[in-house]
Amino acid sequence: MTRDQIWLTRSDRFEWVLYATGTGRIVESLRPESAKPTAGLLGKCFGKTVAFYVDADRTGFVVQSGATAIALDDQTRVRYWKSRRNYLAHLSVERGPQRLQLTEFTIATAADDPADPVSSKDFLGTINDFCTREERRSQGLQVWSQDADPIGTT
């Protein structure tokens, strides 16, 4: 594991992936024997690999797809919505000239109750929860670390 590689938990199956933040590519994957902390989550949005992880100093989060990595801070505009009878979830992340427009199918999940502010039944909803709910943000900052190594080789 090099300095630009972090372990993430794949959101769609019980698997860890070694993710290269410099290239936005998966280097290695493995099935864990037990749950251990990683640096964040990895998901697929219409075939696009999207990483959501804690930053190096554990003060905030980053959303990355390919080479585009956007820090989620007070200068970042995040917008989340569902469409098509809750079959599609959308997340727009903008910070200065950087922009990510992400969409994922949520057909396998039940529709969220309109009164429920927690939308984390889908990957993009989870990212939105971390951006908008302080208790989720605090939990992620406490648990996730770029130094986390689930196989214990560092």
N, C-alpha and C. Protein backbone atom coordinates (compact mmCIF):
# COMPACT_ATOMS: atom_id res chain seq x y z
N MET A 1 0.85 -1.17 0.00
CA MET A 1 0.00 0.00 0.00
C MET A 1 0.90 1.24 0.00
N THR A 2 0.66 2.14 -0.96
CA THR A 2 1.44 3.38 -1.04
C THR A 2 0.65 4.53 -0.44
N ARG A 3 1.25 5.71 -0.37
CA ARG A 3 0.60 6.88 0.24
C ARG A 3 -0.65 7.33 -0.49
N ASP A 4 -0.76 7.07 -1.79
CA ASP A 4 -1.96 7.51 -2.52
C ASP A 4 -2.99 6.40 -2.67
N GLN A 5 -2.87 5.34 -1.85
CA GLN A 5 -3.82 4.25 -1.88
C GLN A 5 -4.52 4.13 -0.53
N ILE A 6 -5.84 3.94 -0.57
CA ILE A 6 -6.62 3.79 0.65
C ILE A 6 -7.58 2.62 0.49
N TRP A 7 -7.95 2.01 1.61
CA TRP A 7 -8.92 0.92 1.60
C TRP A 7 -10.31 1.50 1.74
N LEU A 8 -11.23 1.05 0.88
CA LEU A 8 -12.63 1.45 0.93
C LEU A 8 -13.50 0.20 1.00
N THR A 9 -14.71 0.36 1.53
CA THR A 9 -15.68 -0.73 1.56
C THR A 9 -16.60 -0.56 0.38
N ARG A 10 -16.75 -1.59 -0.44
CA ARG A 10 -17.63 -1.52 -1.60
C ARG A 10 -19.08 -1.51 -1.11
N SER A 11 -19.87 -0.56 -1.59
CA SER A 11 -21.23 -0.38 -1.08
C SER A 11 -22.20 -1.47 -1.53
N ASP A 12 -21.93 -2.15 -2.63
CA ASP A 12 -22.89 -3.11 -3.16
C ASP A 12 -22.59 -4.57 -2.79
N ARG A 13 -21.49 -4.82 -2.10
CA ARG A 13 -21.19 -6.18 -1.65
C ARG A 13 -20.18 -6.12 -0.51
N PHE A 14 -20.07 -7.19 0.23
CA PHE A 14 -19.18 -7.22 1.38
C PHE A 14 -17.76 -7.49 0.88
N GLU A 15 -17.07 -6.41 0.56
CA GLU A 15 -15.74 -6.52 -0.04
C GLU A 15 -14.97 -5.23 0.23
N TRP A 16 -13.67 -5.35 0.40
CA TRP A 16 -12.80 -4.18 0.51
C TRP A 16 -12.06 -4.01 -0.80
N VAL A 17 -11.78 -2.76 -1.15
CA VAL A 17 -10.98 -2.48 -2.33
C VAL A 17 -9.87 -1.51 -1.97
N LEU A 18 -8.71 -1.74 -2.56
CA LEU A 18 -7.59 -0.80 -2.43
C LEU A 18 -7.73 0.18 -3.58
N TYR A 19 -7.96 1.44 -3.25
CA TYR A 19 -8.31 2.48 -4.22
C TYR A 19 -7.16 3.47 -4.34
N ALA A 20 -6.73 3.76 -5.58
CA ALA A 20 -5.66 4.73 -5.83
C ALA A 20 -6.31 6.10 -6.03
N THR A 21 -6.09 7.03 -5.09
CA THR A 21 -6.71 8.35 -5.18
C THR A 21 -6.12 9.18 -6.31
N GLY A 22 -4.91 8.90 -6.73
CA GLY A 22 -4.29 9.64 -7.82
C GLY A 22 -4.91 9.35 -9.18
N THR A 23 -5.35 8.10 -9.37
CA THR A 23 -5.90 7.70 -10.66
C THR A 23 -7.40 7.43 -10.63
N GLY A 24 -7.96 7.23 -9.42
CA GLY A 24 -9.36 6.89 -9.31
C GLY A 24 -9.65 5.47 -9.73
N ARG A 25 -8.67 4.58 -9.59
CA ARG A 25 -8.83 3.19 -10.01
C ARG A 25 -8.66 2.22 -8.84
N ILE A 26 -9.28 1.05 -8.98
CA ILE A 26 -9.15 0.00 -7.99
C ILE A 26 -7.89 -0.79 -8.29
N VAL A 27 -7.05 -0.95 -7.28
CA VAL A 27 -5.78 -1.65 -7.42
C VAL A 27 -5.93 -3.13 -7.05
N GLU A 28 -6.72 -3.40 -6.04
CA GLU A 28 -6.85 -4.75 -5.51
C GLU A 28 -8.18 -4.86 -4.77
N SER A 29 -8.71 -6.07 -4.63
CA SER A 29 -9.90 -6.27 -3.82
C SER A 29 -9.76 -7.57 -3.05
N LEU A 30 -10.48 -7.66 -1.93
CA LEU A 30 -10.46 -8.87 -1.14
C LEU A 30 -11.72 -8.96 -0.31
N ARG A 31 -12.06 -10.15 0.10
CA ARG A 31 -13.22 -10.38 0.97
C ARG A 31 -12.71 -10.42 2.41
N PRO A 32 -13.28 -9.61 3.27
CA PRO A 32 -12.82 -9.58 4.67
C PRO A 32 -13.36 -10.77 5.46
N GLU A 33 -12.61 -11.15 6.49
CA GLU A 33 -13.08 -12.19 7.39
C GLU A 33 -13.91 -11.59 8.51
N SER A 34 -13.70 -10.31 8.79
CA SER A 34 -14.47 -9.60 9.80
C SER A 34 -14.54 -8.13 9.41
N ALA A 35 -15.46 -7.41 10.00
CA ALA A 35 -15.60 -5.99 9.70
C ALA A 35 -14.52 -5.19 10.42
N LYS A 36 -13.80 -4.39 9.68
CA LYS A 36 -12.77 -3.52 10.24
C LYS A 36 -12.88 -2.16 9.56
N PRO A 37 -12.44 -1.10 10.22
CA PRO A 37 -12.55 0.25 9.63
C PRO A 37 -11.75 0.40 8.34
N THR A 38 -12.28 1.20 7.44
CA THR A 38 -11.59 1.57 6.22
C THR A 38 -11.62 3.09 6.13
N ALA A 39 -11.34 3.65 4.96
CA ALA A 39 -11.34 5.10 4.79
C ALA A 39 -12.66 5.63 4.26
N GLY A 40 -13.57 4.74 3.81
CA GLY A 40 -14.84 5.21 3.27
C GLY A 40 -15.54 4.16 2.45
N LEU A 41 -16.32 4.62 1.46
CA LEU A 41 -17.15 3.74 0.64
C LEU A 41 -16.83 3.88 -0.84
N LEU A 42 -17.08 2.82 -1.58
CA LEU A 42 -16.94 2.83 -3.03
C LEU A 42 -18.24 2.35 -3.64
N GLY A 43 -18.76 3.07 -4.62
CA GLY A 43 -20.01 2.70 -5.26
C GLY A 43 -19.93 2.81 -6.76
N LYS A 44 -20.97 2.35 -7.43
CA LYS A 44 -21.08 2.46 -8.89
C LYS A 44 -22.30 3.31 -9.21
N CYS A 45 -22.12 4.28 -10.08
CA CYS A 45 -23.21 5.15 -10.52
C CYS A 45 -23.24 5.14 -12.04
N PHE A 46 -24.19 4.40 -12.59
CA PHE A 46 -24.30 4.23 -14.04
C PHE A 46 -22.97 3.81 -14.66
N GLY A 47 -22.32 2.83 -14.05
CA GLY A 47 -21.08 2.30 -14.57
C GLY A 47 -19.83 3.08 -14.17
N LYS A 48 -20.01 4.22 -13.53
CA LYS A 48 -18.90 5.06 -13.10
C LYS A 48 -18.52 4.72 -11.66
N THR A 49 -17.25 4.48 -11.40
CA THR A 49 -16.80 4.22 -10.04
C THR A 49 -16.73 5.54 -9.29
N VAL A 50 -17.34 5.56 -8.10
CA VAL A 50 -17.37 6.77 -7.27
C VAL A 50 -16.89 6.41 -5.88
N ALA A 51 -15.92 7.16 -5.38
CA ALA A 51 -15.39 6.96 -4.04
C ALA A 51 -15.83 8.10 -3.13
N PHE A 52 -16.15 7.75 -1.90
CA PHE A 52 -16.50 8.72 -0.86
C PHE A 52 -15.66 8.35 0.35
N TYR A 53 -14.75 9.25 0.74
CA TYR A 53 -13.82 8.90 1.81
C TYR A 53 -13.44 10.10 2.64
N VAL A 54 -12.89 9.81 3.83
CA VAL A 54 -12.43 10.86 4.74
C VAL A 54 -11.10 11.41 4.21
N ASP A 55 -10.88 12.71 4.38
CA ASP A 55 -9.63 13.29 3.89
C ASP A 55 -8.46 12.89 4.80
N ALA A 56 -7.25 13.19 4.37
CA ALA A 56 -6.05 12.72 5.06
C ALA A 56 -5.96 13.19 6.51
N ASP A 57 -6.43 14.41 6.81
CA ASP A 57 -6.32 14.90 8.20
C ASP A 57 -7.59 14.66 9.02
N ARG A 58 -8.54 13.88 8.48
CA ARG A 58 -9.76 13.48 9.17
C ARG A 58 -10.61 14.66 9.63
N THR A 59 -10.69 15.69 8.80
CA THR A 59 -11.51 16.85 9.13
C THR A 59 -12.70 17.00 8.19
N GLY A 60 -12.70 16.26 7.10
CA GLY A 60 -13.78 16.38 6.12
C GLY A 60 -13.80 15.18 5.19
N PHE A 61 -14.62 15.28 4.16
CA PHE A 61 -14.80 14.17 3.23
C PHE A 61 -14.50 14.60 1.80
N VAL A 62 -14.26 13.61 0.95
CA VAL A 62 -13.96 13.82 -0.46
C VAL A 62 -14.87 12.90 -1.28
N VAL A 63 -15.41 13.42 -2.38
CA VAL A 63 -16.12 12.60 -3.37
C VAL A 63 -15.24 12.59 -4.61
N GLN A 64 -14.97 11.40 -5.15
CA GLN A 64 -14.08 11.30 -6.31
C GLN A 64 -14.65 10.33 -7.33
N SER A 65 -14.57 10.74 -8.59
CA SER A 65 -14.88 9.86 -9.71
C SER A 65 -13.80 10.10 -10.75
N GLY A 66 -13.05 9.04 -11.06
CA GLY A 66 -11.90 9.20 -11.96
C GLY A 66 -10.88 10.13 -11.33
N ALA A 67 -10.37 11.07 -12.11
CA ALA A 67 -9.37 12.01 -11.60
C ALA A 67 -9.99 13.21 -10.89
N THR A 68 -11.33 13.34 -10.92
CA THR A 68 -11.99 14.48 -10.29
C THR A 68 -12.30 14.16 -8.84
N ALA A 69 -11.59 14.84 -7.93
CA ALA A 69 -11.79 14.68 -6.49
C ALA A 69 -12.21 16.03 -5.93
N ILE A 70 -13.36 16.05 -5.25
CA ILE A 70 -13.89 17.29 -4.71
C ILE A 70 -14.02 17.19 -3.20
N ALA A 71 -13.36 18.09 -2.49
CA ALA A 71 -13.47 18.15 -1.04
C ALA A 71 -14.84 18.71 -0.67
N LEU A 72 -15.49 18.08 0.30
CA LEU A 72 -16.80 18.54 0.75
C LEU A 72 -16.60 19.48 1.94
N ASP A 73 -16.61 20.78 1.65
CA ASP A 73 -16.43 21.78 2.69
C ASP A 73 -17.47 22.88 2.52
N ASP A 74 -17.30 24.00 3.22
CA ASP A 74 -18.31 25.06 3.16
C ASP A 74 -18.35 25.78 1.81
N GLN A 75 -17.39 25.53 0.93
CA GLN A 75 -17.39 26.13 -0.40
C GLN A 75 -18.02 25.20 -1.45
N THR A 76 -18.44 24.02 -1.02
CA THR A 76 -18.98 23.02 -1.93
C THR A 76 -20.51 23.07 -1.91
N ARG A 77 -21.09 23.03 -3.08
CA ARG A 77 -22.55 22.98 -3.21
C ARG A 77 -22.94 21.53 -3.52
N VAL A 78 -23.78 20.96 -2.66
CA VAL A 78 -24.24 19.58 -2.83
C VAL A 78 -25.76 19.60 -2.94
N ARG A 79 -26.25 18.94 -3.98
CA ARG A 79 -27.70 18.85 -4.19
C ARG A 79 -28.07 17.39 -4.45
N TYR A 80 -29.08 16.90 -3.74
CA TYR A 80 -29.52 15.52 -3.85
C TYR A 80 -31.02 15.48 -4.14
N TRP A 81 -31.44 14.62 -5.06
CA TRP A 81 -32.86 14.45 -5.33
C TRP A 81 -33.12 13.09 -5.94
N LYS A 82 -34.38 12.66 -5.87
CA LYS A 82 -34.80 11.40 -6.49
C LYS A 82 -35.80 11.71 -7.58
N SER A 83 -35.84 10.86 -8.57
CA SER A 83 -36.77 11.04 -9.68
C SER A 83 -37.31 9.69 -10.11
N ARG A 84 -38.25 9.73 -11.05
CA ARG A 84 -38.82 8.52 -11.65
C ARG A 84 -39.33 7.54 -10.61
N ARG A 85 -40.21 8.03 -9.76
CA ARG A 85 -40.82 7.19 -8.73
C ARG A 85 -39.78 6.57 -7.81
N ASN A 86 -38.76 7.32 -7.47
CA ASN A 86 -37.67 6.89 -6.59
C ASN A 86 -36.79 5.81 -7.20
N TYR A 87 -36.83 5.61 -8.52
CA TYR A 87 -35.96 4.62 -9.15
C TYR A 87 -34.56 5.15 -9.40
N LEU A 88 -34.42 6.46 -9.48
CA LEU A 88 -33.12 7.08 -9.71
C LEU A 88 -32.81 8.08 -8.59
N ALA A 89 -31.58 8.03 -8.10
CA ALA A 89 -31.10 9.02 -7.15
C ALA A 89 -30.03 9.84 -7.87
N HIS A 90 -30.01 11.15 -7.61
CA HIS A 90 -29.07 12.05 -8.26
C HIS A 90 -28.31 12.84 -7.20
N LEU A 91 -27.05 13.08 -7.46
CA LEU A 91 -26.23 13.92 -6.58
C LEU A 91 -25.39 14.83 -7.46
N SER A 92 -25.49 16.13 -7.20
CA SER A 92 -24.68 17.12 -7.90
C SER A 92 -23.72 17.72 -6.88
N VAL A 93 -22.43 17.67 -7.18
CA VAL A 93 -21.41 18.21 -6.28
C VAL A 93 -20.59 19.22 -7.08
N GLU A 94 -20.56 20.47 -6.60
CA GLU A 94 -19.83 21.52 -7.30
C GLU A 94 -18.98 22.31 -6.32
N ARG A 95 -17.74 22.55 -6.71
CA ARG A 95 -16.82 23.38 -5.92
C ARG A 95 -15.95 24.13 -6.91
N GLY A 96 -16.20 25.43 -7.06
CA GLY A 96 -15.48 26.21 -8.07
C GLY A 96 -15.72 25.61 -9.44
N PRO A 97 -14.66 25.38 -10.22
CA PRO A 97 -14.83 24.82 -11.56
C PRO A 97 -15.04 23.29 -11.57
N GLN A 98 -14.86 22.65 -10.44
CA GLN A 98 -15.01 21.20 -10.37
C GLN A 98 -16.49 20.83 -10.23
N ARG A 99 -16.91 19.80 -10.95
CA ARG A 99 -18.30 19.39 -10.90
C ARG A 99 -18.41 17.89 -11.13
N LEU A 100 -19.26 17.25 -10.33
CA LEU A 100 -19.63 15.85 -10.54
C LEU A 100 -21.15 15.78 -10.57
N GLN A 101 -21.69 15.15 -11.60
CA GLN A 101 -23.12 14.89 -11.72
C GLN A 101 -23.27 13.38 -11.69
N LEU A 102 -23.84 12.84 -10.62
CA LEU A 102 -23.90 11.40 -10.42
C LEU A 102 -25.35 10.93 -10.35
N THR A 103 -25.61 9.75 -10.91
CA THR A 103 -26.94 9.15 -10.89
C THR A 103 -26.78 7.66 -10.64
N GLU A 104 -27.68 7.09 -9.84
CA GLU A 104 -27.66 5.64 -9.62
C GLU A 104 -29.08 5.11 -9.60
N PHE A 105 -29.23 3.85 -10.02
CA PHE A 105 -30.50 3.16 -9.91
C PHE A 105 -30.72 2.79 -8.45
N THR A 106 -31.93 3.01 -7.96
CA THR A 106 -32.28 2.60 -6.60
C THR A 106 -33.48 1.67 -6.63
N ILE A 107 -33.67 1.00 -7.74
CA ILE A 107 -34.85 0.15 -7.93
C ILE A 107 -34.88 -1.00 -6.94
N ALA A 108 -33.73 -1.42 -6.44
CA ALA A 108 -33.68 -2.55 -5.51
C ALA A 108 -34.03 -2.14 -4.08
N THR A 109 -34.14 -0.85 -3.81
CA THR A 109 -34.44 -0.40 -2.46
C THR A 109 -35.87 0.12 -2.38
N ALA A 110 -36.42 0.05 -1.21
CA ALA A 110 -37.77 0.58 -1.00
C ALA A 110 -37.73 2.09 -1.04
N ALA A 111 -38.82 2.69 -1.47
CA ALA A 111 -38.89 4.15 -1.50
C ALA A 111 -38.83 4.68 -0.07
N ASP A 112 -38.10 5.78 0.10
CA ASP A 112 -38.01 6.41 1.41
C ASP A 112 -39.33 7.08 1.75
N ASP A 113 -39.72 7.00 3.00
CA ASP A 113 -40.90 7.71 3.48
C ASP A 113 -40.63 9.21 3.32
N PRO A 114 -41.54 9.98 2.74
CA PRO A 114 -41.30 11.41 2.54
C PRO A 114 -40.97 12.16 3.84
N ALA A 115 -41.45 11.66 4.99
CA ALA A 115 -41.17 12.31 6.27
C ALA A 115 -39.81 11.92 6.83
N ASP A 116 -39.14 10.93 6.23
CA ASP A 116 -37.86 10.44 6.73
C ASP A 116 -36.72 11.25 6.14
N PRO A 117 -35.98 12.01 6.97
CA PRO A 117 -34.88 12.82 6.44
C PRO A 117 -33.64 11.99 6.08
N VAL A 118 -33.60 10.73 6.50
CA VAL A 118 -32.46 9.87 6.22
C VAL A 118 -32.68 9.15 4.89
N SER A 119 -31.81 9.39 3.93
CA SER A 119 -31.97 8.80 2.60
C SER A 119 -30.90 7.77 2.30
N SER A 120 -30.33 7.16 3.32
CA SER A 120 -29.16 6.32 3.11
C SER A 120 -29.47 4.89 2.71
N LYS A 121 -30.62 4.65 2.09
CA LYS A 121 -30.88 3.34 1.53
C LYS A 121 -30.13 3.17 0.21
N ASP A 122 -29.59 4.24 -0.32
CA ASP A 122 -28.80 4.18 -1.55
C ASP A 122 -27.46 4.88 -1.32
N PHE A 123 -26.51 4.62 -2.19
CA PHE A 123 -25.15 5.14 -2.05
C PHE A 123 -25.11 6.67 -2.07
N LEU A 124 -25.77 7.29 -3.04
CA LEU A 124 -25.76 8.75 -3.14
C LEU A 124 -26.51 9.38 -1.98
N GLY A 125 -27.56 8.73 -1.49
CA GLY A 125 -28.26 9.21 -0.31
C GLY A 125 -27.38 9.19 0.92
N THR A 126 -26.51 8.18 1.01
CA THR A 126 -25.57 8.10 2.13
C THR A 126 -24.60 9.29 2.09
N ILE A 127 -24.09 9.60 0.91
CA ILE A 127 -23.19 10.76 0.78
C ILE A 127 -23.92 12.03 1.21
N ASN A 128 -25.16 12.19 0.76
CA ASN A 128 -25.94 13.36 1.13
C ASN A 128 -26.14 13.43 2.64
N ASP A 129 -26.41 12.29 3.28
CA ASP A 129 -26.59 12.28 4.74
C ASP A 129 -25.33 12.76 5.45
N PHE A 130 -24.17 12.33 4.97
CA PHE A 130 -22.93 12.77 5.60
C PHE A 130 -22.71 14.27 5.41
N CYS A 131 -23.22 14.82 4.31
CA CYS A 131 -23.08 16.26 4.05
C CYS A 131 -24.07 17.09 4.86
N THR A 132 -25.23 16.55 5.17
CA THR A 132 -26.30 17.35 5.76
C THR A 132 -26.63 17.01 7.21
N ARG A 133 -26.17 15.88 7.71
CA ARG A 133 -26.51 15.48 9.08
C ARG A 133 -25.25 15.39 9.93
N GLU A 134 -25.16 16.23 10.93
CA GLU A 134 -23.95 16.32 11.76
C GLU A 134 -23.62 15.01 12.46
N GLU A 135 -24.64 14.25 12.91
CA GLU A 135 -24.34 12.99 13.60
C GLU A 135 -23.69 11.98 12.67
N ARG A 136 -24.10 11.94 11.40
CA ARG A 136 -23.46 11.03 10.44
C ARG A 136 -22.04 11.49 10.14
N ARG A 137 -21.87 12.81 9.96
CA ARG A 137 -20.55 13.37 9.68
C ARG A 137 -19.57 13.03 10.81
N SER A 138 -19.99 13.25 12.05
CA SER A 138 -19.13 12.98 13.21
C SER A 138 -18.77 11.51 13.31
N GLN A 139 -19.76 10.65 13.04
CA GLN A 139 -19.50 9.21 13.09
C GLN A 139 -18.43 8.81 12.08
N GLY A 140 -18.55 9.30 10.84
CA GLY A 140 -17.57 8.97 9.81
C GLY A 140 -16.18 9.47 10.15
N LEU A 141 -16.09 10.68 10.70
CA LEU A 141 -14.78 11.24 11.05
C LEU A 141 -14.13 10.47 12.19
N GLN A 142 -14.94 9.89 13.07
CA GLN A 142 -14.39 9.10 14.18
C GLN A 142 -13.93 7.73 13.72
N VAL A 143 -14.69 7.10 12.82
CA VAL A 143 -14.43 5.70 12.45
C VAL A 143 -13.46 5.55 11.27
N TRP A 144 -13.62 6.38 10.25
CA TRP A 144 -12.83 6.21 9.04
C TRP A 144 -11.47 6.88 9.14
N SER A 145 -10.47 6.29 8.53
CA SER A 145 -9.13 6.87 8.50
C SER A 145 -8.40 6.37 7.25
N GLN A 146 -7.64 7.25 6.61
CA GLN A 146 -6.86 6.82 5.45
C GLN A 146 -5.75 5.87 5.86
N ASP A 147 -5.43 5.82 7.15
CA ASP A 147 -4.41 4.89 7.64
C ASP A 147 -4.98 3.51 7.93
N ALA A 148 -6.31 3.37 7.88
CA ALA A 148 -6.93 2.08 8.18
C ALA A 148 -6.46 1.02 7.18
N ASP A 149 -6.07 -0.12 7.71
CA ASP A 149 -5.62 -1.23 6.87
C ASP A 149 -6.31 -2.49 7.35
N PRO A 150 -7.37 -2.91 6.69
CA PRO A 150 -8.15 -4.04 7.18
C PRO A 150 -7.40 -5.38 7.18
N ILE A 151 -6.30 -5.47 6.46
CA ILE A 151 -5.56 -6.73 6.47
C ILE A 151 -4.33 -6.64 7.37
N GLY A 152 -4.08 -5.45 7.96
CA GLY A 152 -3.04 -5.29 8.97
C GLY A 152 -1.62 -5.43 8.48
N THR A 153 -1.32 -5.04 7.25
CA THR A 153 0.04 -5.21 6.74
C THR A 153 0.90 -3.95 6.84
N THR A 154 0.33 -2.85 7.35
CA THR A 154 1.15 -1.64 7.45
C THR A 154 1.77 -1.49 8.81
